[in-house]
Protein backbone atom coordinates (compact mmCIF):
# COMPACT_ATOMS: atom_id res chain seq x y z
CA UNK A 1 198.93 -67.59 54.47
CA UNK A 2 196.48 -65.57 56.58
CA UNK A 3 194.87 -63.67 53.75
CA UNK A 4 192.37 -66.08 52.25
CA UNK A 5 189.74 -64.30 50.18
CA UNK A 6 187.52 -66.52 48.08
CA UNK A 7 184.67 -64.15 47.35
CA UNK A 8 182.67 -65.98 44.73
CA UNK A 9 179.51 -64.24 43.66
CA UNK A 10 176.68 -66.35 42.29
CA UNK A 11 174.08 -63.68 41.54
CA UNK A 12 173.18 -64.90 38.04
CA UNK A 13 170.23 -63.87 35.94
CA UNK A 14 166.91 -65.08 37.28
CA UNK A 15 164.88 -67.21 34.89
CA UNK A 16 162.05 -65.30 33.28
CA UNK A 17 163.71 -61.93 33.76
CA UNK A 18 163.29 -60.79 30.16
CA UNK A 19 160.14 -61.01 28.12
CA UNK A 20 160.30 -58.68 25.13
CA UNK A 21 160.13 -60.10 21.63
CA UNK A 22 163.49 -61.38 20.39
CA UNK A 23 165.23 -59.93 17.36
CA UNK A 24 166.53 -62.35 14.79
CA UNK A 25 169.45 -61.62 12.50
CA UNK A 26 169.77 -63.27 9.11
CA UNK A 27 173.03 -64.95 8.25
CA UNK A 28 175.60 -62.70 6.58
CA UNK A 29 175.43 -62.52 2.80
CA UNK A 30 178.02 -61.54 0.22
CA UNK A 31 176.49 -58.07 -0.18
CA UNK A 32 179.08 -55.35 0.34
CA UNK A 33 179.18 -52.66 3.00
CA UNK A 34 181.61 -49.75 2.85
CA UNK A 35 182.65 -47.37 5.61
CA UNK A 36 183.72 -44.29 3.65
CA UNK A 37 185.92 -41.40 4.77
CA UNK A 38 186.46 -42.88 8.21
CA UNK A 39 189.47 -42.65 10.51
CA UNK A 40 190.66 -46.20 11.22
CA UNK A 41 192.29 -47.52 14.36
CA UNK A 42 193.79 -50.70 12.87
CA UNK A 43 195.11 -51.78 16.31
CA UNK A 44 198.27 -53.29 14.87
CA UNK A 45 200.08 -50.41 16.57
CA UNK A 46 199.20 -47.13 18.24
CA UNK A 47 198.21 -45.20 15.14
CA UNK A 48 195.25 -43.84 13.21
CA UNK A 49 194.64 -43.75 9.46
CA UNK A 50 192.52 -40.85 8.23
CA UNK A 51 190.28 -40.72 5.16
CA UNK A 52 189.95 -44.48 4.78
CA UNK A 53 187.39 -46.73 3.15
CA UNK A 54 186.84 -50.15 4.70
CA UNK A 55 185.04 -52.62 2.44
CA UNK A 56 183.16 -55.60 3.87
CA UNK A 57 181.79 -58.67 2.12
CA UNK A 58 179.91 -61.27 4.10
CA UNK A 59 181.55 -61.56 7.49
CA UNK A 60 185.04 -60.44 6.36
CA UNK A 61 186.94 -57.23 5.79
CA UNK A 62 188.16 -57.41 2.19
CA UNK A 63 189.89 -54.07 1.65
CA UNK A 64 191.21 -51.14 3.69
CA UNK A 65 192.79 -48.10 2.09
CA UNK A 66 192.58 -44.40 1.26
CA UNK A 67 189.07 -43.59 0.05
CA UNK A 68 190.31 -42.40 -3.34
CA UNK A 69 191.96 -45.78 -4.00
CA UNK A 70 189.20 -48.20 -2.88
CA UNK A 71 186.46 -48.92 -5.41
CA UNK A 72 183.06 -49.20 -3.74
CA UNK A 73 180.54 -51.37 -5.64
CA UNK A 74 177.45 -49.49 -6.79
CA UNK A 75 175.26 -51.97 -4.90
CA UNK A 76 177.14 -51.59 -1.62
CA UNK A 77 175.60 -50.14 1.52
CA UNK A 78 177.58 -46.97 2.25
CA UNK A 79 178.11 -45.82 5.83
CA UNK A 80 179.51 -42.31 6.08
CA UNK A 81 182.50 -42.22 8.38
CA UNK A 82 183.68 -38.62 8.22
CA UNK A 83 184.47 -37.38 11.71
CA UNK A 84 184.14 -40.89 13.14
CA UNK A 85 186.62 -43.59 14.16
CA UNK A 86 186.42 -47.26 13.20
CA UNK A 87 188.08 -49.90 15.37
CA UNK A 88 187.76 -53.65 15.97
CA UNK A 89 184.97 -54.94 18.18
CA UNK A 90 185.83 -55.58 21.81
CA UNK A 91 185.92 -58.91 23.62
CA UNK A 92 184.57 -60.08 26.97
CA UNK A 93 186.93 -62.83 28.12
CA UNK A 94 185.00 -63.78 31.24
CA UNK A 95 181.32 -63.53 30.39
CA UNK A 96 178.20 -65.57 30.95
CA UNK A 97 174.92 -66.27 29.20
CA UNK A 98 171.76 -67.31 31.06
CA UNK A 99 171.36 -70.98 32.02
CA UNK A 100 169.37 -73.27 29.69
CA UNK A 101 166.26 -73.19 31.86
CA UNK A 102 165.92 -69.44 31.26
CA UNK A 103 163.45 -68.32 28.55
CA UNK A 104 164.85 -67.95 25.05
CA UNK A 105 164.20 -64.20 25.25
CA UNK A 106 166.56 -63.95 28.22
CA UNK A 107 169.40 -65.48 26.25
CA UNK A 108 168.82 -63.35 23.17
CA UNK A 109 168.56 -60.14 25.16
CA UNK A 110 171.77 -60.76 27.08
CA UNK A 111 173.55 -61.46 23.80
CA UNK A 112 172.22 -58.20 22.41
CA UNK A 113 173.32 -56.21 25.46
CA UNK A 114 176.87 -57.33 24.74
CA UNK A 115 176.71 -56.36 21.07
CA UNK A 116 175.01 -53.02 21.73
CA UNK A 117 178.22 -51.89 23.45
CA UNK A 118 180.57 -53.17 20.78
CA UNK A 119 181.36 -56.47 22.49
CA UNK A 120 181.54 -58.79 19.50
CA UNK A 121 183.36 -61.75 21.08
CA UNK A 122 182.54 -63.41 24.41
CA UNK A 123 184.37 -66.26 26.12
CA UNK A 124 181.63 -67.90 28.17
CA UNK A 125 182.99 -69.17 31.47
CA UNK A 126 180.29 -71.39 32.90
CA UNK A 127 178.93 -73.96 30.47
CA UNK A 128 175.62 -75.75 30.68
CA UNK A 129 173.63 -78.11 28.51
CA UNK A 130 172.17 -76.29 25.52
CA UNK A 131 174.81 -73.59 25.27
CA UNK A 132 176.61 -75.24 22.36
CA UNK A 133 173.38 -74.84 20.42
CA UNK A 134 173.32 -71.16 21.34
CA UNK A 135 176.86 -70.83 20.01
CA UNK A 136 175.82 -72.26 16.67
CA UNK A 137 172.64 -70.16 16.42
CA UNK A 138 174.73 -67.05 16.85
CA UNK A 139 177.41 -68.11 14.39
CA UNK A 140 174.79 -68.98 11.77
CA UNK A 141 173.19 -65.54 12.12
CA UNK A 142 169.89 -66.88 13.45
CA UNK A 143 170.45 -64.82 16.62
CA UNK A 144 172.21 -61.47 16.94
CA UNK A 145 175.07 -61.84 19.35
CA UNK A 146 178.83 -61.93 19.83
CA UNK A 147 180.87 -64.85 18.57
CA UNK A 148 181.00 -67.30 21.48
CA UNK A 149 183.87 -69.39 22.75
CA UNK A 150 182.43 -71.57 25.51
CA UNK A 151 183.87 -73.35 28.52
CA UNK A 152 182.02 -76.48 29.56
CA UNK A 153 180.46 -77.14 32.98
CA UNK A 154 183.04 -76.23 35.60
CA UNK A 155 185.60 -78.33 37.43
CA UNK A 156 185.25 -77.51 41.12
CA UNK A 157 184.89 -78.85 44.60
CA UNK A 158 181.16 -79.46 44.15
CA UNK A 159 181.41 -81.21 40.78
CA UNK A 160 184.63 -83.29 40.86
CA UNK A 161 184.87 -86.00 43.54
CA UNK A 162 188.13 -87.60 42.39
CA UNK A 163 191.08 -87.32 39.99
CA UNK A 164 189.52 -90.11 37.92
CA UNK A 165 186.30 -88.13 37.48
CA UNK A 166 188.34 -85.05 36.57
CA UNK A 167 190.17 -86.96 33.85
CA UNK A 168 186.96 -88.48 32.47
CA UNK A 169 185.21 -85.09 32.38
CA UNK A 170 188.09 -83.48 30.47
CA UNK A 171 187.88 -86.14 27.76
CA UNK A 172 184.09 -85.91 27.63
CA UNK A 173 184.04 -82.12 27.26
CA UNK A 174 186.66 -82.25 24.53
CA UNK A 175 184.54 -84.78 22.64
CA UNK A 176 181.37 -82.72 23.11
CA UNK A 177 182.99 -79.73 21.44
CA UNK A 178 183.53 -77.21 24.23
CA UNK A 179 186.23 -74.64 23.51
CA UNK A 180 187.95 -74.79 26.91
CA UNK A 181 187.62 -76.06 30.48
CA UNK A 182 186.57 -73.88 33.43
CA UNK A 183 188.38 -74.19 36.76
CA UNK A 184 186.42 -73.30 39.90
CA UNK A 185 187.61 -73.27 43.53
CA UNK A 186 187.52 -76.43 45.61
CA UNK A 187 189.60 -78.82 43.53
CA UNK A 188 192.25 -80.74 45.42
CA UNK A 189 195.79 -80.62 44.11
CA UNK A 190 195.46 -84.19 42.81
CA UNK A 191 192.22 -83.38 40.98
CA UNK A 192 193.68 -80.20 39.50
CA UNK A 193 196.78 -82.03 38.31
CA UNK A 194 194.55 -84.65 36.67
CA UNK A 195 192.75 -81.85 34.78
CA UNK A 196 196.02 -80.24 33.71
CA UNK A 197 197.60 -83.50 32.59
CA UNK A 198 194.56 -84.70 30.64
CA UNK A 199 193.90 -81.30 29.09
CA UNK A 200 197.42 -81.31 27.70
CA UNK A 201 196.91 -84.79 26.29
CA UNK A 202 193.60 -83.78 24.68
CA UNK A 203 194.81 -80.41 23.42
CA UNK A 204 192.27 -78.23 25.20
CA UNK A 205 192.88 -75.15 27.34
CA UNK A 206 191.84 -74.85 30.97
CA UNK A 207 191.31 -71.47 32.60
CA UNK A 208 189.58 -69.59 35.40
CA UNK A 209 190.17 -69.62 39.14
CA UNK A 210 193.11 -70.90 41.20
CA UNK A 211 191.91 -73.42 43.82
CA UNK A 212 193.26 -72.79 47.31
CA UNK A 213 194.95 -76.22 47.49
CA UNK A 214 196.74 -75.45 44.22
CA UNK A 215 198.06 -71.92 44.61
CA UNK A 216 199.31 -69.51 42.00
CA UNK A 217 202.77 -71.06 41.55
CA UNK A 218 201.49 -74.53 40.69
CA UNK A 219 198.77 -73.06 38.45
CA UNK A 220 201.43 -71.24 36.44
CA UNK A 221 203.68 -74.29 36.30
CA UNK A 222 200.78 -76.50 35.18
CA UNK A 223 200.01 -74.45 32.08
CA UNK A 224 196.68 -72.88 33.08
CA UNK A 225 195.87 -70.75 30.05
CA UNK A 226 194.44 -67.77 31.88
CA UNK A 227 194.16 -66.72 35.50
CA UNK A 228 190.86 -64.88 35.84
CA UNK A 229 190.16 -62.17 38.45
CA UNK A 230 193.93 -62.16 39.20
CA UNK A 231 192.94 -65.07 41.42
CA UNK A 232 195.70 -66.53 43.56
CA UNK A 233 198.03 -63.54 43.34
CA UNK A 234 196.83 -61.61 46.38
CA UNK A 235 196.28 -64.87 48.27
CA UNK A 236 199.99 -65.61 47.90
CA UNK A 237 200.74 -62.88 50.43
CA UNK A 238 199.99 -62.42 54.11
CA UNK A 239 197.43 -59.75 55.02
CA UNK A 240 200.16 -57.83 56.87
CA UNK A 241 201.98 -57.37 53.52
CA UNK A 242 199.38 -55.00 52.07
CA UNK A 243 199.65 -52.68 50.30
CA UNK A 244 202.18 -54.54 48.18
CA UNK A 245 205.19 -53.02 46.46
CA UNK A 246 206.48 -53.58 42.94
CA UNK A 247 209.46 -55.45 44.38
CA UNK A 248 207.15 -57.86 46.20
CA UNK A 249 205.09 -58.48 43.07
CA UNK A 250 207.94 -58.78 40.57
CA UNK A 251 208.73 -62.49 41.10
CA UNK A 252 205.09 -63.46 40.40
CA UNK A 253 204.96 -61.16 37.39
CA UNK A 254 208.11 -62.76 35.98
CA UNK A 255 206.79 -66.28 36.58
CA UNK A 256 203.53 -65.36 34.81
CA UNK A 257 205.45 -64.07 31.81
CA UNK A 258 207.69 -67.13 31.70
CA UNK A 259 204.68 -69.45 31.87
CA UNK A 260 202.97 -67.70 28.95
CA UNK A 261 199.81 -67.43 31.05
CA UNK A 262 197.30 -64.68 30.35
CA UNK A 263 195.31 -62.77 32.93
CA UNK A 264 191.69 -61.58 32.82
CA UNK A 265 191.72 -58.95 35.58
CA UNK A 266 187.98 -58.10 36.13
CA UNK A 267 189.13 -55.07 38.12
CA UNK A 268 185.81 -53.26 38.46
CA UNK A 269 183.89 -56.29 39.70
CA UNK A 270 186.50 -57.18 42.29
CA UNK A 271 186.29 -53.69 43.79
CA UNK A 272 182.56 -54.29 44.16
CA UNK A 273 183.03 -57.73 45.69
CA UNK A 274 185.51 -56.29 48.17
CA UNK A 275 182.88 -53.71 49.16
CA UNK A 276 184.86 -50.61 48.22
CA UNK A 277 182.20 -48.64 46.25
CA UNK A 278 179.04 -47.59 48.06
CA UNK A 279 175.67 -49.14 47.35
CA UNK A 280 174.41 -45.67 46.44
CA UNK A 281 177.05 -45.38 43.73
CA UNK A 282 176.37 -48.85 42.36
CA UNK A 283 172.60 -48.37 42.42
CA UNK A 284 172.94 -45.22 40.32
CA UNK A 285 174.40 -47.04 37.32
CA UNK A 286 172.06 -46.16 34.41
CA UNK A 287 172.58 -49.56 32.76
CA UNK A 288 170.72 -51.26 35.61
CA UNK A 289 167.52 -50.39 33.74
CA UNK A 290 168.23 -53.37 31.47
CA UNK A 291 168.27 -55.92 34.28
CA UNK A 292 165.12 -57.54 35.71
CA UNK A 293 163.84 -56.07 38.96
CA UNK A 294 164.34 -59.34 40.82
CA UNK A 295 167.98 -59.49 39.79
CA UNK A 296 168.54 -55.94 41.03
CA UNK A 297 166.88 -56.80 44.32
CA UNK A 298 169.16 -59.82 44.71
CA UNK A 299 172.23 -57.72 43.96
CA UNK A 300 171.31 -55.00 46.45
CA UNK A 301 170.42 -57.46 49.20
CA UNK A 302 173.61 -59.39 48.57
CA UNK A 303 175.69 -56.22 48.78
CA UNK A 304 174.03 -55.20 52.04
CA UNK A 305 174.74 -58.64 53.53
CA UNK A 306 178.38 -58.29 52.56
CA UNK A 307 178.48 -54.88 54.23
CA UNK A 308 177.15 -56.44 57.44
CA UNK A 309 179.72 -59.26 57.36
CA UNK A 310 182.46 -58.04 54.98
CA UNK A 311 184.94 -60.59 53.56
CA UNK A 312 187.74 -58.30 54.76
CA UNK A 313 187.76 -54.96 56.66
CA UNK A 314 187.27 -51.94 54.40
CA UNK A 315 190.75 -50.59 55.15
CA UNK A 316 192.31 -53.88 54.01
CA UNK A 317 189.98 -54.03 51.00
CA UNK A 318 191.25 -50.65 49.82
CA UNK A 319 194.86 -51.84 50.21
CA UNK A 320 194.04 -54.97 48.20
CA UNK A 321 192.55 -52.86 45.40
CA UNK A 322 195.66 -50.68 45.45
CA UNK A 323 197.85 -53.81 45.22
CA UNK A 324 195.77 -55.29 42.40
CA UNK A 325 196.13 -52.06 40.45
CA UNK A 326 199.89 -52.14 40.90
CA UNK A 327 200.01 -55.81 39.88
CA UNK A 328 198.15 -55.09 36.66
CA UNK A 329 200.43 -52.16 35.86
CA UNK A 330 203.54 -54.24 36.51
CA UNK A 331 202.18 -57.05 34.33
CA UNK A 332 201.57 -54.59 31.51
CA UNK A 333 205.11 -53.23 31.79
CA UNK A 334 206.55 -56.76 31.74
CA UNK A 335 204.57 -57.85 28.67
CA UNK A 336 202.19 -60.33 30.31
CA UNK A 337 199.18 -61.21 28.14
CA UNK A 338 196.32 -59.04 29.48
CA UNK A 339 192.82 -59.86 28.22
CA UNK A 340 189.76 -57.71 28.85
CA UNK A 341 186.94 -59.21 30.91
CA UNK A 342 184.28 -58.26 33.46
CA UNK A 343 182.43 -61.44 34.59
CA UNK A 344 179.07 -60.08 33.42
CA UNK A 345 176.24 -60.54 34.19
CA UNK A 346 177.25 -60.46 37.81
CA UNK A 347 176.69 -58.20 40.84
CA UNK A 348 176.11 -54.73 39.27
CA UNK A 349 178.02 -55.87 36.19
CA UNK A 350 175.59 -55.57 33.25
CA UNK A 351 176.54 -57.37 30.00
CA UNK A 352 178.24 -55.06 27.53
CA UNK A 353 177.95 -51.95 29.68
CA UNK A 354 180.33 -53.50 32.20
CA UNK A 355 183.14 -53.19 29.64
CA UNK A 356 183.07 -49.41 30.11
CA UNK A 357 183.34 -49.86 33.90
CA UNK A 358 186.31 -52.17 33.36
CA UNK A 359 187.98 -49.80 30.93
CA UNK A 360 187.77 -47.01 33.52
CA UNK A 361 189.20 -49.31 36.21
CA UNK A 362 192.10 -50.35 33.97
CA UNK A 363 192.83 -46.71 33.22
CA UNK A 364 192.78 -46.00 36.95
CA UNK A 365 195.39 -48.75 37.35
CA UNK A 366 197.70 -46.82 35.03
CA UNK A 367 197.25 -48.47 31.62
CA UNK A 368 197.17 -46.20 28.58
CA UNK A 369 194.16 -46.05 26.23
CA UNK A 370 196.05 -48.02 23.60
CA UNK A 371 197.09 -50.71 26.08
CA UNK A 372 193.50 -51.05 27.25
CA UNK A 373 192.09 -51.20 23.72
CA UNK A 374 194.69 -53.77 22.72
CA UNK A 375 193.64 -56.00 25.64
CA UNK A 376 190.14 -56.17 24.16
CA UNK A 377 191.00 -56.38 20.44
CA UNK A 378 194.40 -57.42 19.02
CA UNK A 379 195.37 -59.43 22.09
CA UNK A 380 192.13 -61.43 21.87
CA UNK A 381 192.73 -62.13 18.21
CA UNK A 382 196.18 -63.49 19.03
CA UNK A 383 194.72 -65.59 21.85
CA UNK A 384 192.23 -67.25 19.49
CA UNK A 385 194.44 -67.21 16.38
CA UNK A 386 194.08 -70.96 15.85
CA UNK A 387 190.28 -70.65 15.70
CA UNK A 388 189.67 -67.52 13.59
CA UNK A 389 191.19 -64.29 12.31
CA UNK A 390 189.92 -61.17 14.05
CA UNK A 391 190.97 -58.32 16.32
CA UNK A 392 192.40 -55.91 13.72
CA UNK A 393 190.95 -53.72 10.98
CA UNK A 394 192.72 -55.55 8.19
CA UNK A 395 191.68 -57.60 5.14
CA UNK A 396 190.79 -61.16 6.06
CA UNK A 397 189.75 -60.30 9.58
CA UNK A 398 186.25 -60.94 10.84
CA UNK A 399 184.04 -57.91 10.25
CA UNK A 400 183.51 -57.04 13.93
CA UNK A 401 183.70 -53.27 14.15
CA UNK A 402 182.77 -50.29 16.31
CA UNK A 403 182.03 -46.93 14.68
CA UNK A 404 182.88 -44.49 17.49
CA UNK A 405 181.85 -40.84 17.54
CA UNK A 406 185.32 -39.77 18.74
CA UNK A 407 188.87 -41.04 19.07
CA UNK A 408 189.18 -43.64 21.87
CA UNK A 409 192.95 -43.21 21.88
CA UNK A 410 192.35 -39.69 23.19
CA UNK A 411 189.28 -40.38 25.32
CA UNK A 412 188.08 -43.92 26.03
CA UNK A 413 184.56 -42.68 26.76
CA UNK A 414 184.23 -42.32 22.97
CA UNK A 415 183.44 -46.06 23.00
CA UNK A 416 180.17 -45.38 24.80
CA UNK A 417 177.06 -44.95 22.64
CA UNK A 418 178.77 -45.78 19.35
CA UNK A 419 177.28 -44.61 16.05
CA UNK A 420 176.86 -48.27 15.24
CA UNK A 421 178.30 -51.75 15.64
CA UNK A 422 179.05 -54.42 13.05
CA UNK A 423 179.11 -58.04 14.19
CA UNK A 424 180.24 -60.67 11.66
CA UNK A 425 179.27 -58.32 8.83
CA UNK A 426 175.82 -57.41 10.18
CA UNK A 427 175.42 -53.66 10.71
CA UNK A 428 173.44 -52.31 13.65
CA UNK A 429 172.89 -48.56 13.55
CA UNK A 430 172.53 -46.37 16.63
CA UNK A 431 168.80 -46.11 15.98
CA UNK A 432 168.39 -49.89 15.80
CA UNK A 433 170.43 -50.36 18.97
CA UNK A 434 168.43 -47.75 20.88
CA UNK A 435 165.11 -49.24 19.78
CA UNK A 436 166.05 -52.70 21.00
CA UNK A 437 167.51 -51.41 24.25
CA UNK A 438 164.28 -49.55 24.93
CA UNK A 439 162.35 -52.80 24.46
CA UNK A 440 164.64 -54.61 26.90
CA UNK A 441 164.34 -51.83 29.47
CA UNK A 442 160.54 -51.81 29.23
CA UNK A 443 160.34 -55.57 29.65
CA UNK A 444 162.71 -55.56 32.63
CA UNK A 445 160.43 -53.49 34.86
């Protein structure tokens, strides 16, 4: 194997980056909210339902049906949906929240950036002390934010010195209440196998990277729940193989399907890490206004350093991106579990806003709008089915909803600047979202 690309980016939010006053959200009540006359994308199949009323009580959808057949309580908040489309909230399956030493405002603002773009579920992939408390504050309604599923502190070459320590840490994190285990590069095969074996005994998922000593085949055989960043797939091949063909990729695609392993592609970020887009293009992203100046400086300086000493030549990087796109398309055709994720906040990847960059990258890879939307809604609900019911616009599902101005099945950009977002039954109008975003932008300068 001559192609070894382990481009790990560690440009996380700097402590003290945000300073505007936090917004607090009260816990959901049993008061009703009704979306009336709206077109629903239920996401149980590729279809729309026109002229619907969706009734919410507390944090649950309680009724969905034609507006003439759904009785709306006189006390209910009514949100007019005519000309708009209602779909489930999206998920970020490889996200991060600031470390515990960051100011409280930093944490709350990052959580809000997710929600402002309709990201109502986040799987946090780098745990730290204090984050379990954040999870509970969000779930109780004390803070406005997406529902969090959190991995504990990572298992990697810098944190795990032996198989015995790996086993002990798995049991400890299960007892502490983390939702899954995070795999980082650097584990030896023996340490990785200790994680996999003990995780199975304890009944907890492990997910993330594929350590170099392990490789993609063993990761799939060991039951790793998700492979993030499509890690390990490109490394399986020699650099002279690129760009790859469907025939070359098919055996790995079939093994992934047989293993029941999901993938979190993070397509947009990996193009950036490989140095394919220009710094001028990245620096022009309007969402950068919500990141602290010091973070932006770090990102730009880091990108320039990578340009000076690139991880791979630009010509090879472009072939790798082409091969990753083909791999994702082949996985979709085969029925592999594809789960939306961006690795925000990270290297020009701004929480919430990065979902739109990822959606565009997935569309560029050849996925249809419905396939992309499913990867961030229904597929996530299936993934977490043992923990909660969400991901569809159906009775009993968590009231996480996006009220889009247009039909995302026709144009995915309709997801940008939604008319409003509902997270666990709490409604945030466009005006409320814009006001808070303006506060964050002002405080970030």
